[in-house]
PDB file of N, CA and C in Angstrom:
ATOM      1  N   MET A   1       0.766  -1.169  -0.060  1.00  0.00           N
ATOM      2  CA  MET A   1       0.020   0.060  -0.069  1.00  0.00           C
ATOM      3  C   MET A   1       0.835   1.314  -0.012  1.00  0.00           C
ATOM      4  N   GLU A   2       0.634   2.084  -0.913  1.00  0.00           N
ATOM      5  CA  GLU A   2       1.355   3.469  -1.015  1.00  0.00           C
ATOM      6  C   GLU A   2       0.953   4.318   0.264  1.00  0.00           C
ATOM      7  N   ARG A   3       2.055   5.124   0.728  1.00  0.00           N
ATOM      8  CA  ARG A   3       1.959   5.927   1.870  1.00  0.00           C
ATOM      9  C   ARG A   3       0.777   6.933   1.773  1.00  0.00           C
ATOM     10  N   GLU A   4       0.380   7.445   0.472  1.00  0.00           N
ATOM     11  CA  GLU A   4      -0.742   8.220   0.578  1.00  0.00           C
ATOM     12  C   GLU A   4      -2.123   7.576   0.851  1.00  0.00           C
ATOM     13  N   ASP A   5      -2.055   6.117   0.456  1.00  0.00           N
ATOM     14  CA  ASP A   5      -3.276   5.387   0.610  1.00  0.00           C
ATOM     15  C   ASP A   5      -3.564   5.258   2.128  1.00  0.00           C
ATOM     16  N   TRP A   6      -2.395   4.840   2.907  1.00  0.00           N
ATOM     17  CA  TRP A   6      -2.607   4.655   4.185  1.00  0.00           C
ATOM     18  C   TRP A   6      -2.806   5.847   5.043  1.00  0.00           C
ATOM     19  N   ILE A   7      -2.260   6.874   4.591  1.00  0.00           N
ATOM     20  CA  ILE A   7      -2.492   8.139   5.353  1.00  0.00           C
ATOM     21  C   ILE A   7      -3.900   8.656   5.165  1.00  0.00           C
ATOM     22  N   SER A   8      -4.422   8.431   3.932  1.00  0.00           N
ATOM     23  CA  SER A   8      -5.769   8.982   3.735  1.00  0.00           C
ATOM     24  C   SER A   8      -6.787   8.025   4.632  1.00  0.00           C
ATOM     25  N   LYS A   9      -6.349   6.751   5.137  1.00  0.00           N
ATOM     26  CA  LYS A   9      -7.375   6.038   5.894  1.00  0.00           C
ATOM     27  C   LYS A   9      -7.261   6.440   7.414  1.00  0.00           C
ATOM     28  N   ILE A  10      -6.265   6.960   7.888  1.00  0.00           N
ATOM     29  CA  ILE A  10      -6.186   7.385   9.202  1.00  0.00           C
ATOM     30  C   ILE A  10      -6.580   8.967   9.466  1.00  0.00           C
ATOM     31  N   ILE A  11      -7.303   9.115  10.526  1.00  0.00           N
ATOM     32  CA  ILE A  11      -7.588  10.474  10.732  1.00  0.00           C
ATOM     33  C   ILE A  11      -6.506  10.927  11.897  1.00  0.00           C
ATOM     34  N   LEU A  12      -5.541  11.774  11.332  1.00  0.00           N
ATOM     35  CA  LEU A  12      -4.483  12.247  12.267  1.00  0.00           C
ATOM     36  C   LEU A  12      -5.102  13.462  12.960  1.00  0.00           C
ATOM     37  N   SER A  13      -4.618  13.379  14.342  1.00  0.00           N
ATOM     38  CA  SER A  13      -5.293  14.302  15.344  1.00  0.00           C
ATOM     39  C   SER A  13      -4.132  14.901  16.214  1.00  0.00           C
ATOM     40  N   SER A  14      -4.012  15.990  16.596  1.00  0.00           N
ATOM     41  CA  SER A  14      -2.983  16.491  17.455  1.00  0.00           C
ATOM     42  C   SER A  14      -3.446  16.280  18.912  1.00  0.00           C
ATOM     43  N   ILE A  15      -4.594  15.885  19.017  1.00  0.00           N
ATOM     44  CA  ILE A  15      -5.302  15.652  20.477  1.00  0.00           C
ATOM     45  C   ILE A  15      -5.771  14.181  20.460  1.00  0.00           C
ATOM     46  N   PRO A  16      -5.639  13.598  21.723  1.00  0.00           N
ATOM     47  CA  PRO A  16      -6.096  12.251  21.900  1.00  0.00           C
ATOM     48  C   PRO A  16      -7.587  12.342  21.635  1.00  0.00           C
ATOM     49  N   LEU A  17      -8.251  11.392  21.250  1.00  0.00           N
ATOM     50  CA  LEU A  17      -9.757  11.092  21.053  1.00  0.00           C
ATOM     51  C   LEU A  17      -9.979  10.398  22.386  1.00  0.00           C
ATOM     52  N   ARG A  18     -11.159  10.835  23.022  1.00  0.00           N
ATOM     53  CA  ARG A  18     -11.761  10.049  24.125  1.00  0.00           C
ATOM     54  C   ARG A  18     -13.195   9.872  23.914  1.00  0.00           C
ATOM     55  N   GLN A  19     -13.625   8.797  24.711  1.00  0.00           N
ATOM     56  CA  GLN A  19     -15.145   8.581  24.646  1.00  0.00           C
ATOM     57  C   GLN A  19     -15.508   8.613  26.189  1.00  0.00           C
ATOM     58  N   LEU A  20     -16.552   9.355  26.514  1.00  0.00           N
ATOM     59  CA  LEU A  20     -17.006   9.702  27.772  1.00  0.00           C
ATOM     60  C   LEU A  20     -18.300   9.012  28.021  1.00  0.00           C
ATOM     61  N   ASN A  21     -18.483   8.349  29.331  1.00  0.00           N
ATOM     62  CA  ASN A  21     -19.709   7.848  29.664  1.00  0.00           C
ATOM     63  C   ASN A  21     -20.839   8.791  30.047  1.00  0.00           C
ATOM     64  N   GLU A  22     -21.827   8.401  30.460  1.00  0.00           N
ATOM     65  CA  GLU A  22     -22.936   9.347  30.778  1.00  0.00           C
ATOM     66  C   GLU A  22     -22.562  10.326  31.977  1.00  0.00           C
ATOM     67  N   MET A  23     -21.556  10.125  32.784  1.00  0.00           N
ATOM     68  CA  MET A  23     -21.232  10.880  33.785  1.00  0.00           C
ATOM     69  C   MET A  23     -19.904  11.649  33.394  1.00  0.00           C
ATOM     70  N   ARG A  24     -19.723  11.783  32.067  1.00  0.00           N
ATOM     71  CA  ARG A  24     -18.648  12.512  31.521  1.00  0.00           C
ATOM     72  C   ARG A  24     -17.215  12.152  32.034  1.00  0.00           C
ATOM     73  N   LYS A  25     -17.112  10.823  32.271  1.00  0.00           N
ATOM     74  CA  LYS A  25     -15.912  10.441  32.861  1.00  0.00           C
ATOM     75  C   LYS A  25     -15.301   9.589  31.577  1.00  0.00           C
ATOM     76  N   PRO A  26     -13.964   9.703  31.279  1.00  0.00           N
ATOM     77  CA  PRO A  26     -13.349   9.043  30.150  1.00  0.00           C
ATOM     78  C   PRO A  26     -13.364   7.320  30.384  1.00  0.00           C
ATOM     79  N   VAL A  27     -13.839   6.768  29.437  1.00  0.00           N
ATOM     80  CA  VAL A  27     -13.846   5.342  29.378  1.00  0.00           C
ATOM     81  C   VAL A  27     -13.050   4.584  28.311  1.00  0.00           C
ATOM     82  N   ARG A  28     -12.790   5.360  27.128  1.00  0.00           N
ATOM     83  CA  ARG A  28     -11.871   4.818  26.207  1.00  0.00           C
ATOM     84  C   ARG A  28     -11.070   5.935  25.641  1.00  0.00           C
ATOM     85  N   PHE A  29      -9.792   5.513  25.390  1.00  0.00           N
ATOM     86  CA  PHE A  29      -8.980   6.666  24.730  1.00  0.00           C
ATOM     87  C   PHE A  29      -8.211   6.011  23.466  1.00  0.00           C
ATOM     88  N   ALA A  30      -7.946   6.888  22.468  1.00  0.00           N
ATOM     89  CA  ALA A  30      -7.264   6.550  21.218  1.00  0.00           C
ATOM     90  C   ALA A  30      -6.536   7.601  20.783  1.00  0.00           C
ATOM     91  N   SER A  31      -5.536   7.376  19.938  1.00  0.00           N
ATOM     92  CA  SER A  31      -4.820   8.515  19.501  1.00  0.00           C
ATOM     93  C   SER A  31      -4.608   8.311  17.802  1.00  0.00           C
ATOM     94  N   GLY A  32      -5.241   9.306  17.216  1.00  0.00           N
ATOM     95  CA  GLY A  32      -5.024   9.301  15.845  1.00  0.00           C
ATOM     96  C   GLY A  32      -5.915   8.367  15.091  1.00  0.00           C
ATOM     97  N   CYS A  33      -6.943   7.730  15.763  1.00  0.00           N
ATOM     98  CA  CYS A  33      -7.686   6.864  14.982  1.00  0.00           C
ATOM     99  C   CYS A  33      -9.259   6.970  15.363  1.00  0.00           C
ATOM    100  N   LEU A  34     -10.015   6.579  14.742  1.00  0.00           N
ATOM    101  CA  LEU A  34     -11.562   6.514  15.116  1.00  0.00           C
ATOM    102  C   LEU A  34     -11.833   5.523  16.083  1.00  0.00           C
ATOM    103  N   ILE A  35     -12.368   5.792  17.084  1.00  0.00           N
ATOM    104  CA  ILE A  35     -12.496   4.804  18.203  1.00  0.00           C
ATOM    105  C   ILE A  35     -13.733   3.952  17.680  1.00  0.00           C
ATOM    106  N   ASP A  36     -14.668   4.643  17.010  1.00  0.00           N
ATOM    107  CA  ASP A  36     -15.785   3.682  16.547  1.00  0.00           C
ATOM    108  C   ASP A  36     -15.426   2.632  15.621  1.00  0.00           C
ATOM    109  N   TYR A  37     -14.569   3.049  14.726  1.00  0.00           N
ATOM    110  CA  TYR A  37     -13.899   2.022  13.643  1.00  0.00           C
ATOM    111  C   TYR A  37     -13.373   0.760  14.420  1.00  0.00           C
ATOM    112  N   TYR A  38     -12.376   1.023  15.464  1.00  0.00           N
ATOM    113  CA  TYR A  38     -11.817   0.104  16.187  1.00  0.00           C
ATOM    114  C   TYR A  38     -12.837  -0.741  16.831  1.00  0.00           C
ATOM    115  N   GLU A  39     -13.906  -0.177  17.411  1.00  0.00           N
ATOM    116  CA  GLU A  39     -14.745  -0.994  18.227  1.00  0.00           C
ATOM    117  C   GLU A  39     -15.695  -1.823  17.246  1.00  0.00           C
ATOM    118  N   LYS A  40     -15.936  -1.486  16.103  1.00  0.00           N
ATOM    119  CA  LYS A  40     -16.877  -2.123  15.124  1.00  0.00           C
ATOM    120  C   LYS A  40     -16.139  -3.103  14.392  1.00  0.00           C
ATOM    121  N   ASN A  41     -14.917  -2.942  14.352  1.00  0.00           N
ATOM    122  CA  ASN A  41     -14.139  -4.121  13.488  1.00  0.00           C
ATOM    123  C   ASN A  41     -13.205  -4.851  14.559  1.00  0.00           C
ATOM    124  N   ASP A  42     -12.901  -6.084  14.037  1.00  0.00           N
ATOM    125  CA  ASP A  42     -12.132  -6.785  14.896  1.00  0.00           C
ATOM    126  C   ASP A  42     -11.198  -8.034  14.024  1.00  0.00           C
ATOM    127  N   SER A  43     -11.033  -7.482  12.964  1.00  0.00           N
ATOM    128  CA  SER A  43     -10.262  -8.453  12.030  1.00  0.00           C
ATOM    129  C   SER A  43      -8.697  -7.975  12.075  1.00  0.00           C
ATOM    130  N   GLN A  44      -7.897  -8.919  12.268  1.00  0.00           N
ATOM    131  CA  GLN A  44      -6.494  -8.856  12.356  1.00  0.00           C
ATOM    132  C   GLN A  44      -6.002  -8.728  10.955  1.00  0.00           C
ATOM    133  N   ASN A  45      -6.909  -8.940   9.975  1.00  0.00           N
ATOM    134  CA  ASN A  45      -6.493  -8.828   8.608  1.00  0.00           C
ATOM    135  C   ASN A  45      -6.788  -7.556   7.955  1.00  0.00           C
ATOM    136  N   ASP A  46      -7.490  -6.727   8.841  1.00  0.00           N
ATOM    137  CA  ASP A  46      -7.757  -5.294   8.265  1.00  0.00           C
ATOM    138  C   ASP A  46      -6.597  -4.330   8.753  1.00  0.00           C
ATOM    139  N   GLU A  47      -5.984  -3.771   7.837  1.00  0.00           N
ATOM    140  CA  GLU A  47      -4.909  -2.887   8.188  1.00  0.00           C
ATOM    141  C   GLU A  47      -5.290  -1.655   9.044  1.00  0.00           C
ATOM    142  N   LEU A  48      -6.296  -1.071   8.786  1.00  0.00           N
ATOM    143  CA  LEU A  48      -6.728   0.183   9.529  1.00  0.00           C
ATOM    144  C   LEU A  48      -6.900  -0.261  11.011  1.00  0.00           C
ATOM    145  N   PHE A  49      -7.594  -1.585  11.182  1.00  0.00           N
ATOM    146  CA  PHE A  49      -7.945  -2.091  12.427  1.00  0.00           C
ATOM    147  C   PHE A  49      -6.529  -2.240  13.117  1.00  0.00           C
ATOM    148  N   CYS A  50      -5.597  -2.811  12.410  1.00  0.00           N
ATOM    149  CA  CYS A  50      -4.221  -3.092  13.168  1.00  0.00           C
ATOM    150  C   CYS A  50      -3.544  -1.674  13.438  1.00  0.00           C
ATOM    151  N   LEU A  51      -3.645  -0.800  12.557  1.00  0.00           N
ATOM    152  CA  LEU A  51      -3.007   0.512  12.833  1.00  0.00           C
ATOM    153  C   LEU A  51      -3.732   1.191  14.185  1.00  0.00           C
ATOM    154  N   CYS A  52      -5.113   1.184  14.198  1.00  0.00           N
ATOM    155  CA  CYS A  52      -5.844   1.778  15.230  1.00  0.00           C
ATOM    156  C   CYS A  52      -5.504   1.147  16.657  1.00  0.00           C
ATOM    157  N   ASP A  53      -5.286  -0.278  16.581  1.00  0.00           N
ATOM    158  CA  ASP A  53      -4.796  -1.049  17.745  1.00  0.00           C
ATOM    159  C   ASP A  53      -3.353  -0.577  18.172  1.00  0.00           C
ATOM    160  N   LEU A  54      -2.465  -0.368  17.080  1.00  0.00           N
ATOM    161  CA  LEU A  54      -1.018  -0.092  17.491  1.00  0.00           C
ATOM    162  C   LEU A  54      -0.937   1.401  18.065  1.00  0.00           C
ATOM    163  N   VAL A  55      -1.685   2.254  17.602  1.00  0.00           N
ATOM    164  CA  VAL A  55      -1.380   3.688  18.096  1.00  0.00           C
ATOM    165  C   VAL A  55      -2.065   3.744  19.591  1.00  0.00           C
ATOM    166  N   ARG A  56      -2.620   2.738  20.118  1.00  0.00           N
ATOM    167  CA  ARG A  56      -3.042   2.800  21.609  1.00  0.00           C
ATOM    168  C   ARG A  56      -1.660   2.867  22.448  1.00  0.00           C
ATOM    169  N   ILE A  57      -0.481   2.443  21.838  1.00  0.00           N
ATOM    170  CA  ILE A  57       0.823   2.337  22.558  1.00  0.00           C
ATOM    171  C   ILE A  57       1.286   3.727  22.680  1.00  0.00           C
ATOM    172  N   ASN A  58       1.661   4.250  23.948  1.00  0.00           N
ATOM    173  CA  ASN A  58       2.216   5.531  24.084  1.00  0.00           C
ATOM    174  C   ASN A  58       3.313   5.857  23.283  1.00  0.00           C
ATOM    175  N   GLY A  59       3.131   6.952  22.624  1.00  0.00           N
ATOM    176  CA  GLY A  59       4.357   7.422  21.763  1.00  0.00           C
ATOM    177  C   GLY A  59       4.322   6.796  20.311  1.00  0.00           C
ATOM    178  N   VAL A  60       3.337   5.957  20.180  1.00  0.00           N
ATOM    179  CA  VAL A  60       3.133   5.440  18.676  1.00  0.00           C
ATOM    180  C   VAL A  60       2.120   6.260  17.984  1.00  0.00           C
ATOM    181  N   GLY A  61       2.453   6.841  16.966  1.00  0.00           N
ATOM    182  CA  GLY A  61       1.652   7.626  16.164  1.00  0.00           C
ATOM    183  C   GLY A  61       1.487   6.904  14.837  1.00  0.00           C
ATOM    184  N   ALA A  62       0.800   7.724  13.806  1.00  0.00           N
ATOM    185  CA  ALA A  62       0.449   6.877  12.600  1.00  0.00           C
ATOM    186  C   ALA A  62       1.752   6.259  11.837  1.00  0.00           C
ATOM    187  N   VAL A  63       2.789   7.052  11.893  1.00  0.00           N
ATOM    188  CA  VAL A  63       4.079   6.688  11.124  1.00  0.00           C
ATOM    189  C   VAL A  63       4.594   5.476  11.926  1.00  0.00           C
ATOM    190  N   ALA A  64       4.794   5.467  12.950  1.00  0.00           N
ATOM    191  CA  ALA A  64       5.255   4.274  13.821  1.00  0.00           C
ATOM    192  C   ALA A  64       4.514   3.150  13.740  1.00  0.00           C
ATOM    193  N   ALA A  65       3.151   3.306  13.862  1.00  0.00           N
ATOM    194  CA  ALA A  65       2.255   2.212  13.822  1.00  0.00           C
ATOM    195  C   ALA A  65       2.349   1.458  12.454  1.00  0.00           C
ATOM    196  N   LYS A  66       2.402   2.344  11.333  1.00  0.00           N
ATOM    197  CA  LYS A  66       2.657   1.809   9.930  1.00  0.00           C
ATOM    198  C   LYS A  66       3.930   1.010   9.772  1.00  0.00           C
ATOM    199  N   THR A  67       4.983   1.575  10.574  1.00  0.00           N
ATOM    200  CA  THR A  67       6.246   0.885  10.435  1.00  0.00           C
ATOM    201  C   THR A  67       6.245  -0.374  11.111  1.00  0.00           C
ATOM    202  N   PHE A  68       5.638  -0.476  12.324  1.00  0.00           N
ATOM    203  CA  PHE A  68       5.439  -1.617  13.113  1.00  0.00           C
ATOM    204  C   PHE A  68       4.594  -2.704  12.345  1.00  0.00           C
ATOM    205  N   TYR A  69       3.640  -2.286  11.694  1.00  0.00           N
ATOM    206  CA  TYR A  69       2.791  -3.014  10.965  1.00  0.00           C
ATOM    207  C   TYR A  69       3.377  -3.704   9.652  1.00  0.00           C
ATOM    208  N   ASP A  70       4.269  -2.935   8.889  1.00  0.00           N
ATOM    209  CA  ASP A  70       5.038  -3.447   7.924  1.00  0.00           C
ATOM    210  C   ASP A  70       6.190  -4.341   8.295  1.00  0.00           C
ATOM    211  N   ALA A  71       6.582  -4.238   9.534  1.00  0.00           N
ATOM    212  CA  ALA A  71       7.529  -4.918  10.091  1.00  0.00           C
ATOM    213  C   ALA A  71       7.066  -6.359  10.660  1.00  0.00           C
ATOM    214  N   GLY A  72       5.668  -6.579  10.638  1.00  0.00           N
ATOM    215  CA  GLY A  72       5.001  -7.750  11.150  1.00  0.00           C
ATOM    216  C   GLY A  72       4.416  -7.665  12.397  1.00  0.00           C
ATOM    217  N   PHE A  73       4.320  -6.456  13.088  1.00  0.00           N
ATOM    218  CA  PHE A  73       3.661  -6.404  14.310  1.00  0.00           C
ATOM    219  C   PHE A  73       2.371  -5.740  14.028  1.00  0.00           C
ATOM    220  N   CYS A  74       1.165  -6.732  14.151  1.00  0.00           N
ATOM    221  CA  CYS A  74      -0.114  -6.095  13.697  1.00  0.00           C
ATOM    222  C   CYS A  74      -0.937  -5.752  14.908  1.00  0.00           C
ATOM    223  N   SER A  75      -0.540  -5.955  16.174  1.00  0.00           N
ATOM    224  CA  SER A  75      -1.383  -5.727  17.327  1.00  0.00           C
ATOM    225  C   SER A  75      -0.629  -5.232  18.458  1.00  0.00           C
ATOM    226  N   VAL A  76      -1.198  -4.784  19.510  1.00  0.00           N
ATOM    227  CA  VAL A  76      -0.666  -4.598  20.808  1.00  0.00           C
ATOM    228  C   VAL A  76      -0.108  -5.668  21.260  1.00  0.00           C
ATOM    229  N   ALA A  77      -0.854  -6.904  21.245  1.00  0.00           N
ATOM    230  CA  ALA A  77      -0.507  -8.188  21.713  1.00  0.00           C
ATOM    231  C   ALA A  77       0.866  -8.441  21.012  1.00  0.00           C
ATOM    232  N   GLU A  78       0.931  -8.502  19.836  1.00  0.00           N
ATOM    233  CA  GLU A  78       2.205  -8.972  19.197  1.00  0.00           C
ATOM    234  C   GLU A  78       3.371  -8.168  19.589  1.00  0.00           C
ATOM    235  N   VAL A  79       3.242  -6.910  19.963  1.00  0.00           N
ATOM    236  CA  VAL A  79       4.268  -5.899  20.304  1.00  0.00           C
ATOM    237  C   VAL A  79       4.610  -6.407  21.774  1.00  0.00           C
ATOM    238  N   ALA A  80       3.570  -6.679  22.532  1.00  0.00           N
ATOM    239  CA  ALA A  80       3.773  -7.018  23.942  1.00  0.00           C
ATOM    240  C   ALA A  80       4.745  -8.358  24.064  1.00  0.00           C
ATOM    241  N   ARG A  81       4.586  -9.279  23.040  1.00  0.00           N
ATOM    242  CA  ARG A  81       5.366 -10.401  23.059  1.00  0.00           C
ATOM    243  C   ARG A  81       6.664 -10.430  22.292  1.00  0.00           C
ATOM    244  N   ALA A  82       6.985  -9.263  21.800  1.00  0.00           N
ATOM    245  CA  ALA A  82       8.189  -9.051  21.057  1.00  0.00           C
ATOM    246  C   ALA A  82       9.437  -9.125  21.908  1.00  0.00           C
ATOM    247  N   ASP A  83      10.597  -9.329  21.246  1.00  0.00           N
ATOM    248  CA  ASP A  83      11.915  -9.064  21.968  1.00  0.00           C
ATOM    249  C   ASP A  83      12.366  -7.841  21.098  1.00  0.00           C
ATOM    250  N   ALA A  84      12.857  -6.822  22.169  1.00  0.00           N
ATOM    251  CA  ALA A  84      13.355  -5.557  21.846  1.00  0.00           C
ATOM    252  C   ALA A  84      14.250  -5.548  20.586  1.00  0.00           C
ATOM    253  N   HIS A  85      15.284  -6.329  20.757  1.00  0.00           N
ATOM    254  CA  HIS A  85      16.349  -6.272  19.740  1.00  0.00           C
ATOM    255  C   HIS A  85      15.867  -6.770  18.374  1.00  0.00           C
ATOM    256  N   ASP A  86      15.100  -7.944  18.330  1.00  0.00           N
ATOM    257  CA  ASP A  86      14.450  -8.456  17.283  1.00  0.00           C
ATOM    258  C   ASP A  86      13.355  -7.424  16.660  1.00  0.00           C
ATOM    259  N   MET A  87      12.569  -6.823  17.491  1.00  0.00           N
ATOM    260  CA  MET A  87      11.646  -5.816  17.010  1.00  0.00           C
ATOM    261  C   MET A  87      12.462  -4.605  16.402  1.00  0.00           C
ATOM    262  N   LEU A  88      13.679  -4.181  16.919  1.00  0.00           N
ATOM    263  CA  LEU A  88      14.273  -3.161  16.470  1.00  0.00           C
ATOM    264  C   LEU A  88      14.947  -3.514  15.037  1.00  0.00           C
ATOM    265  N   ALA A  89      15.485  -4.733  14.914  1.00  0.00           N
ATOM    266  CA  ALA A  89      16.022  -5.171  13.548  1.00  0.00           C
ATOM    267  C   ALA A  89      15.027  -5.083  12.627  1.00  0.00           C
ATOM    268  N   LYS A  90      13.741  -5.535  12.847  1.00  0.00           N
ATOM    269  CA  LYS A  90      12.650  -5.525  11.917  1.00  0.00           C
ATOM    270  C   LYS A  90      12.141  -4.176  11.366  1.00  0.00           C
ATOM    271  N   VAL A  91      11.923  -3.353  12.445  1.00  0.00           N
ATOM    272  CA  VAL A  91      11.366  -2.018  12.257  1.00  0.00           C
ATOM    273  C   VAL A  91      12.496  -1.149  11.583  1.00  0.00           C
ATOM    274  N   SER A  92      13.908  -1.380  11.738  1.00  0.00           N
ATOM    275  CA  SER A  92      14.936  -0.647  11.216  1.00  0.00           C
ATOM    276  C   SER A  92      14.990  -1.002   9.718  1.00  0.00           C
ATOM    277  N   ALA A  93      14.923  -2.384   9.392  1.00  0.00           N
ATOM    278  CA  ALA A  93      14.841  -2.862   8.015  1.00  0.00           C
ATOM    279  C   ALA A  93      13.790  -2.244   7.193  1.00  0.00           C
ATOM    280  N   ILE A  94      12.558  -2.182   7.667  1.00  0.00           N
ATOM    281  CA  ILE A  94      11.539  -1.589   6.971  1.00  0.00           C
ATOM    282  C   ILE A  94      11.674   0.039   6.938  1.00  0.00           C
ATOM    283  N   ASN A  95      12.296   0.581   7.767  1.00  0.00           N
ATOM    284  CA  ASN A  95      12.638   2.029   7.513  1.00  0.00           C
ATOM    285  C   ASN A  95      13.662   2.318   6.699  1.00  0.00           C
ATOM    286  N   SER A  96      14.675   1.403   6.634  1.00  0.00           N
ATOM    287  CA  SER A  96      15.738   1.535   5.550  1.00  0.00           C
ATOM    288  C   SER A  96      15.123   1.377   4.290  1.00  0.00           C
ATOM    289  N   GLU A  97      14.215   0.511   4.161  1.00  0.00           N
ATOM    290  CA  GLU A  97      13.597   0.387   2.544  1.00  0.00           C
ATOM    291  C   GLU A  97      12.731   1.430   2.357  1.00  0.00           C
ATOM    292  N   LYS A  98      11.797   1.806   3.414  1.00  0.00           N
ATOM    293  CA  LYS A  98      10.705   2.825   2.928  1.00  0.00           C
ATOM    294  C   LYS A  98      10.980   4.303   3.489  1.00  0.00           C
ATOM    295  N   HIS A  99      11.882   4.473   4.282  1.00  0.00           N
ATOM    296  CA  HIS A  99      12.180   5.821   4.807  1.00  0.00           C
ATOM    297  C   HIS A  99      11.141   6.566   5.350  1.00  0.00           C
ATOM    298  N   TYR A 100      10.424   5.899   6.256  1.00  0.00           N
ATOM    299  CA  TYR A 100       9.187   6.678   6.897  1.00  0.00           C
ATOM    300  C   TYR A 100       9.694   7.603   7.971  1.00  0.00           C
ATOM    301  N   TYR A 101      10.703   7.558   8.591  1.00  0.00           N
ATOM    302  CA  TYR A 101      11.145   8.576   9.480  1.00  0.00           C
ATOM    303  C   TYR A 101      12.645   8.648   9.584  1.00  0.00           C
ATOM    304  N   ASN A 102      13.196   9.863  10.352  1.00  0.00           N
ATOM    305  CA  ASN A 102      14.523  10.045  10.339  1.00  0.00           C
ATOM    306  C   ASN A 102      15.254   9.701  11.737  1.00  0.00           C
ATOM    307  N   ALA A 103      14.366   9.476  12.513  1.00  0.00           N
ATOM    308  CA  ALA A 103      14.811   9.142  14.036  1.00  0.00           C
ATOM    309  C   ALA A 103      15.779   7.974  14.063  1.00  0.00           C
ATOM    310  N   ASN A 104      16.723   8.006  15.173  1.00  0.00           N
ATOM    311  CA  ASN A 104      17.723   6.948  15.309  1.00  0.00           C
ATOM    312  C   ASN A 104      17.132   6.110  16.529  1.00  0.00           C
ATOM    313  N   LEU A 105      16.181   5.161  16.256  1.00  0.00           N
ATOM    314  CA  LEU A 105      15.892   4.285  17.438  1.00  0.00           C
ATOM    315  C   LEU A 105      16.504   3.240  17.835  1.00  0.00           C
ATOM    316  N   GLY A 106      16.442   2.939  19.110  1.00  0.00           N
ATOM    317  CA  GLY A 106      17.306   1.819  19.765  1.00  0.00           C
ATOM    318  C   GLY A 106      16.351   0.837  20.471  1.00  0.00           C
ATOM    319  N   ALA A 107      17.146  -0.034  21.076  1.00  0.00           N
ATOM    320  CA  ALA A 107      16.335  -1.202  21.667  1.00  0.00           C
ATOM    321  C   ALA A 107      15.506  -0.612  22.694  1.00  0.00           C
ATOM    322  N   GLY A 108      16.187   0.408  23.568  1.00  0.00           N
ATOM    323  CA  GLY A 108      15.405   0.916  24.656  1.00  0.00           C
ATOM    324  C   GLY A 108      14.126   1.666  24.123  1.00  0.00           C
ATOM    325  N   ASP A 109      14.027   2.025  22.987  1.00  0.00           N
ATOM    326  CA  ASP A 109      12.793   2.777  22.479  1.00  0.00           C
ATOM    327  C   ASP A 109      11.694   1.466  22.223  1.00  0.00           C
ATOM    328  N   MET A 110      12.332   0.254  21.616  1.00  0.00           N
ATOM    329  CA  MET A 110      11.350  -0.767  21.293  1.00  0.00           C
ATOM    330  C   MET A 110      11.024  -1.355  22.654  1.00  0.00           C
ATOM    331  N   GLN A 111      11.844  -1.405  23.804  1.00  0.00           N
ATOM    332  CA  GLN A 111      11.457  -1.903  25.024  1.00  0.00           C
ATOM    333  C   GLN A 111      10.518  -1.173  25.721  1.00  0.00           C
ATOM    334  N   PHE A 112      10.461   0.125  25.511  1.00  0.00           N
ATOM    335  CA  PHE A 112       9.423   1.081  26.093  1.00  0.00           C
ATOM    336  C   PHE A 112       7.907   0.691  25.301  1.00  0.00           C
ATOM    337  N   CYS A 113       8.109   0.519  24.185  1.00  0.00           N
ATOM    338  CA  CYS A 113       6.749   0.234  23.416  1.00  0.00           C
ATOM    339  C   CYS A 113       6.268  -1.253  23.825  1.00  0.00           C
ATOM    340  N   ILE A 114       7.197  -2.108  24.124  1.00  0.00           N
ATOM    341  CA  ILE A 114       6.847  -3.465  24.524  1.00  0.00           C
ATOM    342  C   ILE A 114       6.217  -3.463  25.996  1.00  0.00           C
ATOM    343  N   SER A 115       6.896  -2.690  26.872  1.00  0.00           N
ATOM    344  CA  SER A 115       6.324  -2.513  28.072  1.00  0.00           C
ATOM    345  C   SER A 115       5.142  -1.818  28.123  1.00  0.00           C
ATOM    346  N   TYR A 116       4.871  -0.909  27.383  1.00  0.00           N
ATOM    347  CA  TYR A 116       3.601  -0.226  27.423  1.00  0.00           C
ATOM    348  C   TYR A 116       2.491  -1.113  26.888  1.00  0.00           C
ATOM    349  N   ALA A 117       2.937  -1.776  25.782  1.00  0.00           N
ATOM    350  CA  ALA A 117       1.785  -2.860  25.301  1.00  0.00           C
ATOM    351  C   ALA A 117       1.480  -3.745  26.098  1.00  0.00           C
ATOM    352  N   SER A 118       2.604  -4.340  27.009  1.00  0.00           N
ATOM    353  CA  SER A 118       2.261  -5.224  28.118  1.00  0.00           C
ATOM    354  C   SER A 118       1.252  -4.693  29.023  1.00  0.00           C
ATOM    355  N   LEU A 119       1.411  -3.365  29.486  1.00  0.00           N
ATOM    356  CA  LEU A 119       0.382  -2.658  30.349  1.00  0.00           C
ATOM    357  C   LEU A 119      -0.948  -2.670  29.858  1.00  0.00           C
ATOM    358  N   LEU A 120      -1.074  -2.242  28.504  1.00  0.00           N
ATOM    359  CA  LEU A 120      -2.476  -2.116  27.905  1.00  0.00           C
ATOM    360  C   LEU A 120      -3.104  -3.658  28.038  1.00  0.00           C
ATOM    361  N   ILE A 121      -2.313  -4.701  27.621  1.00  0.00           N
ATOM    362  CA  ILE A 121      -2.831  -5.996  27.651  1.00  0.00           C
ATOM    363  C   ILE A 121      -3.252  -6.315  29.129  1.00  0.00           C
ATOM    364  N   LYS A 122      -2.462  -6.058  29.913  1.00  0.00           N
ATOM    365  CA  LYS A 122      -2.932  -6.530  31.442  1.00  0.00           C
ATOM    366  C   LYS A 122      -4.099  -5.846  31.800  1.00  0.00           C
ATOM    367  N   HIS A 123      -4.183  -4.411  31.488  1.00  0.00           N
ATOM    368  CA  HIS A 123      -5.290  -3.497  32.139  1.00  0.00           C
ATOM    369  C   HIS A 123      -6.455  -3.430  31.418  1.00  0.00           C
ATOM    370  N   LEU A 124      -6.181  -3.504  30.017  1.00  0.00           N
ATOM    371  CA  LEU A 124      -7.431  -2.976  29.044  1.00  0.00           C
ATOM    372  C   LEU A 124      -7.801  -4.262  28.142  1.00  0.00           C
ATOM    373  N   GLY A 125      -6.945  -5.355  28.102  1.00  0.00           N
ATOM    374  CA  GLY A 125      -7.183  -6.417  27.311  1.00  0.00           C
ATOM    375  C   GLY A 125      -6.959  -6.222  25.844  1.00  0.00           C
TER     376      GLY A 125
END
């Protein structure tokens, strides 16, 4: 999928989206994706579903989510089970090929994502 195609599928937002209950308390959060799309779809084969799931990880926006997806990490659960060095190698290989970002990421960055993904799985499922 070309970069313009996937960017057009994601609603980019500078503020987190949140869903409130009847008492106006936050009950769901997302960053850069439509909450309703994520809740109405549950197919690991749907790229937009996967990207919406991945941006739940703190610090992962649209570009990082697409890079993770292209590297074979299609869900928060898959990131949570990843090895930091293996993930870094796969993500770096995709970025070398597709030039998604200019940052120099390290194993510590991947471990942060893995740890946060593990917390999401533990507390939100």
